[in-house]
Amino acid sequence: MIARIVRLCLVALISAAIGISPISVMAADQSSGATPAAAPTEAPANRATEKKAQKKVKKEKKAEKKSKKKSKKKSKSATDAAT
């Protein structure tokens, strides 16, 4: 009787391991159906922050260029006024 219970437990354990193995493979696999659903939610957030950072850098460059142009124009007008 004990041998039957041991065999039954062993069979149950093996079948549970076989049943769980595809789930663990899906969790480890990057191209499975469950994982890409989570990845796009992170990607737009990263893209959005990258775009904001790029816009900020572009805006700073534009402001710097504008200030250089103004200072150049002022210095030019000052030299013209002096002559």
N, C-alpha and C. Protein backbone atom coordinates (compact mmCIF):
# COMPACT_ATOMS: atom_id res chain seq x y z
N MET A 1 0.83 -1.18 0.00
CA MET A 1 0.00 0.00 0.00
C MET A 1 0.88 1.26 0.00
N ILE A 2 1.94 1.28 0.78
CA ILE A 2 2.83 2.43 0.84
C ILE A 2 3.53 2.62 -0.50
N ALA A 3 3.90 1.53 -1.15
CA ALA A 3 4.56 1.62 -2.45
C ALA A 3 3.65 2.26 -3.48
N ARG A 4 2.37 1.96 -3.41
CA ARG A 4 1.40 2.56 -4.35
C ARG A 4 1.30 4.07 -4.11
N ILE A 5 1.27 4.47 -2.86
CA ILE A 5 1.17 5.90 -2.54
C ILE A 5 2.44 6.62 -3.00
N VAL A 6 3.61 5.99 -2.80
CA VAL A 6 4.87 6.58 -3.23
C VAL A 6 4.89 6.72 -4.74
N ARG A 7 4.45 5.67 -5.44
CA ARG A 7 4.39 5.74 -6.91
C ARG A 7 3.43 6.83 -7.36
N LEU A 8 2.28 6.92 -6.73
CA LEU A 8 1.28 7.93 -7.09
C LEU A 8 1.83 9.34 -6.86
N CYS A 9 2.51 9.52 -5.75
CA CYS A 9 3.11 10.83 -5.46
C CYS A 9 4.21 11.16 -6.47
N LEU A 10 4.99 10.15 -6.81
CA LEU A 10 6.07 10.35 -7.78
C LEU A 10 5.49 10.71 -9.15
N VAL A 11 4.45 9.99 -9.56
CA VAL A 11 3.80 10.28 -10.85
C VAL A 11 3.19 11.69 -10.83
N ALA A 12 2.58 12.07 -9.73
CA ALA A 12 1.98 13.40 -9.62
C ALA A 12 3.05 14.48 -9.69
N LEU A 13 4.18 14.23 -9.02
CA LEU A 13 5.27 15.19 -9.04
C LEU A 13 5.86 15.34 -10.43
N ILE A 14 6.06 14.23 -11.12
CA ILE A 14 6.61 14.28 -12.48
C ILE A 14 5.64 14.97 -13.43
N SER A 15 4.37 14.64 -13.34
CA SER A 15 3.40 15.27 -14.24
C SER A 15 3.28 16.77 -13.96
N ALA A 16 3.38 17.16 -12.70
CA ALA A 16 3.35 18.59 -12.37
C ALA A 16 4.57 19.29 -12.94
N ALA A 17 5.73 18.64 -12.86
CA ALA A 17 6.95 19.24 -13.42
C ALA A 17 6.85 19.38 -14.92
N ILE A 18 6.28 18.37 -15.57
CA ILE A 18 6.10 18.43 -17.02
C ILE A 18 5.09 19.53 -17.38
N GLY A 19 4.06 19.67 -16.58
CA GLY A 19 3.06 20.71 -16.84
C GLY A 19 3.59 22.11 -16.63
N ILE A 20 4.48 22.29 -15.68
CA ILE A 20 5.01 23.62 -15.36
C ILE A 20 6.15 24.01 -16.29
N SER A 21 6.86 23.06 -16.86
CA SER A 21 8.03 23.37 -17.68
C SER A 21 7.74 24.31 -18.86
N PRO A 22 6.63 24.16 -19.60
CA PRO A 22 6.37 25.14 -20.67
C PRO A 22 6.16 26.56 -20.15
N ILE A 23 5.59 26.67 -18.96
CA ILE A 23 5.38 28.00 -18.39
C ILE A 23 6.71 28.65 -18.05
N SER A 24 7.63 27.87 -17.51
CA SER A 24 8.94 28.44 -17.17
C SER A 24 9.72 28.80 -18.43
N VAL A 25 9.53 28.03 -19.49
CA VAL A 25 10.18 28.36 -20.76
C VAL A 25 9.61 29.64 -21.33
N MET A 26 8.29 29.82 -21.23
CA MET A 26 7.66 31.04 -21.73
C MET A 26 8.14 32.25 -20.94
N ALA A 27 8.32 32.07 -19.64
CA ALA A 27 8.78 33.19 -18.82
C ALA A 27 10.21 33.58 -19.17
N ALA A 28 11.03 32.59 -19.53
CA ALA A 28 12.43 32.88 -19.86
C ALA A 28 12.60 33.35 -21.30
N ASP A 29 11.67 32.99 -22.17
CA ASP A 29 11.78 33.32 -23.59
C ASP A 29 11.35 34.75 -23.83
N GLN A 30 12.17 35.52 -24.52
CA GLN A 30 11.87 36.92 -24.79
C GLN A 30 10.86 37.09 -25.93
N SER A 31 10.72 36.10 -26.78
CA SER A 31 9.82 36.23 -27.92
C SER A 31 8.47 35.59 -27.68
N SER A 32 8.14 35.24 -26.46
CA SER A 32 6.85 34.62 -26.18
C SER A 32 5.75 35.66 -26.18
N GLY A 33 4.52 35.21 -26.14
CA GLY A 33 3.38 36.11 -26.22
C GLY A 33 3.19 36.95 -24.97
N ALA A 34 3.57 36.45 -23.82
CA ALA A 34 3.34 37.18 -22.58
C ALA A 34 4.35 38.31 -22.38
N THR A 35 5.57 38.09 -22.72
CA THR A 35 6.62 39.07 -22.47
C THR A 35 6.51 40.31 -23.37
N PRO A 36 6.26 40.19 -24.68
CA PRO A 36 6.18 41.40 -25.50
C PRO A 36 5.05 42.33 -25.09
N ALA A 37 4.03 41.81 -24.44
CA ALA A 37 2.96 42.69 -23.99
C ALA A 37 3.47 43.66 -22.94
N ALA A 38 4.41 43.22 -22.12
CA ALA A 38 4.97 44.10 -21.10
C ALA A 38 6.02 45.04 -21.69
N ALA A 39 6.75 44.58 -22.68
CA ALA A 39 7.83 45.39 -23.26
C ALA A 39 7.32 46.66 -23.95
N PRO A 40 6.25 46.61 -24.76
CA PRO A 40 5.80 47.85 -25.40
C PRO A 40 5.34 48.91 -24.41
N THR A 41 4.85 48.52 -23.25
CA THR A 41 4.43 49.53 -22.28
C THR A 41 5.64 50.27 -21.74
N GLU A 42 6.78 49.58 -21.63
CA GLU A 42 8.00 50.23 -21.18
C GLU A 42 8.64 51.05 -22.30
N ALA A 43 8.58 50.53 -23.50
CA ALA A 43 9.24 51.19 -24.63
C ALA A 43 8.67 52.58 -24.90
N PRO A 44 7.33 52.76 -24.96
CA PRO A 44 6.83 54.12 -25.20
C PRO A 44 7.23 55.09 -24.09
N ALA A 45 7.29 54.61 -22.87
CA ALA A 45 7.71 55.49 -21.78
C ALA A 45 9.15 55.92 -21.99
N ASN A 46 9.99 54.97 -22.39
CA ASN A 46 11.40 55.30 -22.66
C ASN A 46 11.50 56.23 -23.85
N ARG A 47 10.73 55.96 -24.87
CA ARG A 47 10.76 56.82 -26.06
C ARG A 47 10.29 58.22 -25.72
N ALA A 48 9.25 58.30 -24.90
CA ALA A 48 8.72 59.61 -24.54
C ALA A 48 9.76 60.41 -23.77
N THR A 49 10.45 59.77 -22.84
CA THR A 49 11.47 60.49 -22.08
C THR A 49 12.64 60.87 -22.97
N GLU A 50 12.98 59.97 -23.91
CA GLU A 50 14.06 60.29 -24.85
C GLU A 50 13.68 61.47 -25.73
N LYS A 51 12.45 61.47 -26.21
CA LYS A 51 12.00 62.57 -27.06
C LYS A 51 11.99 63.88 -26.28
N LYS A 52 11.54 63.83 -25.03
CA LYS A 52 11.54 65.05 -24.22
C LYS A 52 12.96 65.55 -24.01
N ALA A 53 13.86 64.62 -23.76
CA ALA A 53 15.26 65.02 -23.56
C ALA A 53 15.84 65.62 -24.83
N GLN A 54 15.53 65.01 -25.97
CA GLN A 54 16.02 65.53 -27.25
C GLN A 54 15.45 66.91 -27.53
N LYS A 55 14.16 67.10 -27.23
CA LYS A 55 13.54 68.40 -27.44
C LYS A 55 14.19 69.45 -26.54
N LYS A 56 14.48 69.07 -25.31
CA LYS A 56 15.11 70.00 -24.37
C LYS A 56 16.49 70.40 -24.85
N VAL A 57 17.26 69.42 -25.32
CA VAL A 57 18.60 69.70 -25.83
C VAL A 57 18.52 70.60 -27.06
N LYS A 58 17.57 70.29 -27.93
CA LYS A 58 17.40 71.09 -29.15
C LYS A 58 17.00 72.53 -28.80
N LYS A 59 16.12 72.66 -27.81
CA LYS A 59 15.68 73.99 -27.40
C LYS A 59 16.83 74.78 -26.80
N GLU A 60 17.67 74.10 -26.00
CA GLU A 60 18.83 74.77 -25.41
C GLU A 60 19.81 75.22 -26.49
N LYS A 61 20.04 74.35 -27.48
CA LYS A 61 20.96 74.71 -28.58
C LYS A 61 20.41 75.91 -29.34
N LYS A 62 19.10 75.90 -29.57
CA LYS A 62 18.49 77.00 -30.31
C LYS A 62 18.60 78.30 -29.54
N ALA A 63 18.38 78.24 -28.23
CA ALA A 63 18.49 79.44 -27.41
C ALA A 63 19.93 79.95 -27.39
N GLU A 64 20.88 79.03 -27.32
CA GLU A 64 22.29 79.42 -27.32
C GLU A 64 22.67 80.07 -28.65
N LYS A 65 22.20 79.48 -29.73
CA LYS A 65 22.49 80.02 -31.06
C LYS A 65 21.87 81.41 -31.21
N LYS A 66 20.66 81.56 -30.69
CA LYS A 66 19.98 82.85 -30.79
C LYS A 66 20.70 83.92 -29.98
N SER A 67 21.17 83.53 -28.79
CA SER A 67 21.89 84.51 -27.97
C SER A 67 23.22 84.89 -28.60
N LYS A 68 23.89 83.95 -29.23
CA LYS A 68 25.15 84.26 -29.93
C LYS A 68 24.89 85.21 -31.09
N LYS A 69 23.80 84.95 -31.79
CA LYS A 69 23.46 85.79 -32.94
C LYS A 69 23.14 87.21 -32.48
N LYS A 70 22.40 87.32 -31.35
CA LYS A 70 22.07 88.64 -30.83
C LYS A 70 23.32 89.39 -30.38
N SER A 71 24.20 88.69 -29.69
CA SER A 71 25.41 89.35 -29.20
C SER A 71 26.30 89.77 -30.37
N LYS A 72 26.33 88.96 -31.40
CA LYS A 72 27.12 89.30 -32.60
C LYS A 72 26.52 90.53 -33.28
N LYS A 73 25.19 90.56 -33.33
CA LYS A 73 24.51 91.70 -33.95
C LYS A 73 24.74 92.98 -33.15
N LYS A 74 24.70 92.85 -31.82
CA LYS A 74 24.93 94.02 -30.97
C LYS A 74 26.37 94.53 -31.11
N SER A 75 27.29 93.61 -31.14
CA SER A 75 28.70 94.04 -31.27
C SER A 75 28.94 94.67 -32.64
N LYS A 76 28.27 94.17 -33.65
CA LYS A 76 28.41 94.73 -34.98
C LYS A 76 27.84 96.14 -35.03
N SER A 77 26.65 96.30 -34.41
CA SER A 77 26.03 97.64 -34.40
C SER A 77 26.84 98.61 -33.55
N ALA A 78 27.47 98.12 -32.50
CA ALA A 78 28.30 98.98 -31.65
C ALA A 78 29.54 99.43 -32.41
N THR A 79 30.15 98.55 -33.20
CA THR A 79 31.33 98.93 -33.98
C THR A 79 30.93 99.88 -35.10
N ASP A 80 29.74 99.69 -35.67
CA ASP A 80 29.27 100.60 -36.71
C ASP A 80 29.00 101.99 -36.14
N ALA A 81 28.46 102.02 -34.94
CA ALA A 81 28.15 103.30 -34.29
C ALA A 81 29.45 104.02 -33.90
N ALA A 82 30.47 103.28 -33.56
CA ALA A 82 31.73 103.88 -33.16
C ALA A 82 32.46 104.50 -34.36
N THR A 83 32.24 103.98 -35.54
CA THR A 83 32.95 104.51 -36.71
C THR A 83 32.24 105.65 -37.33
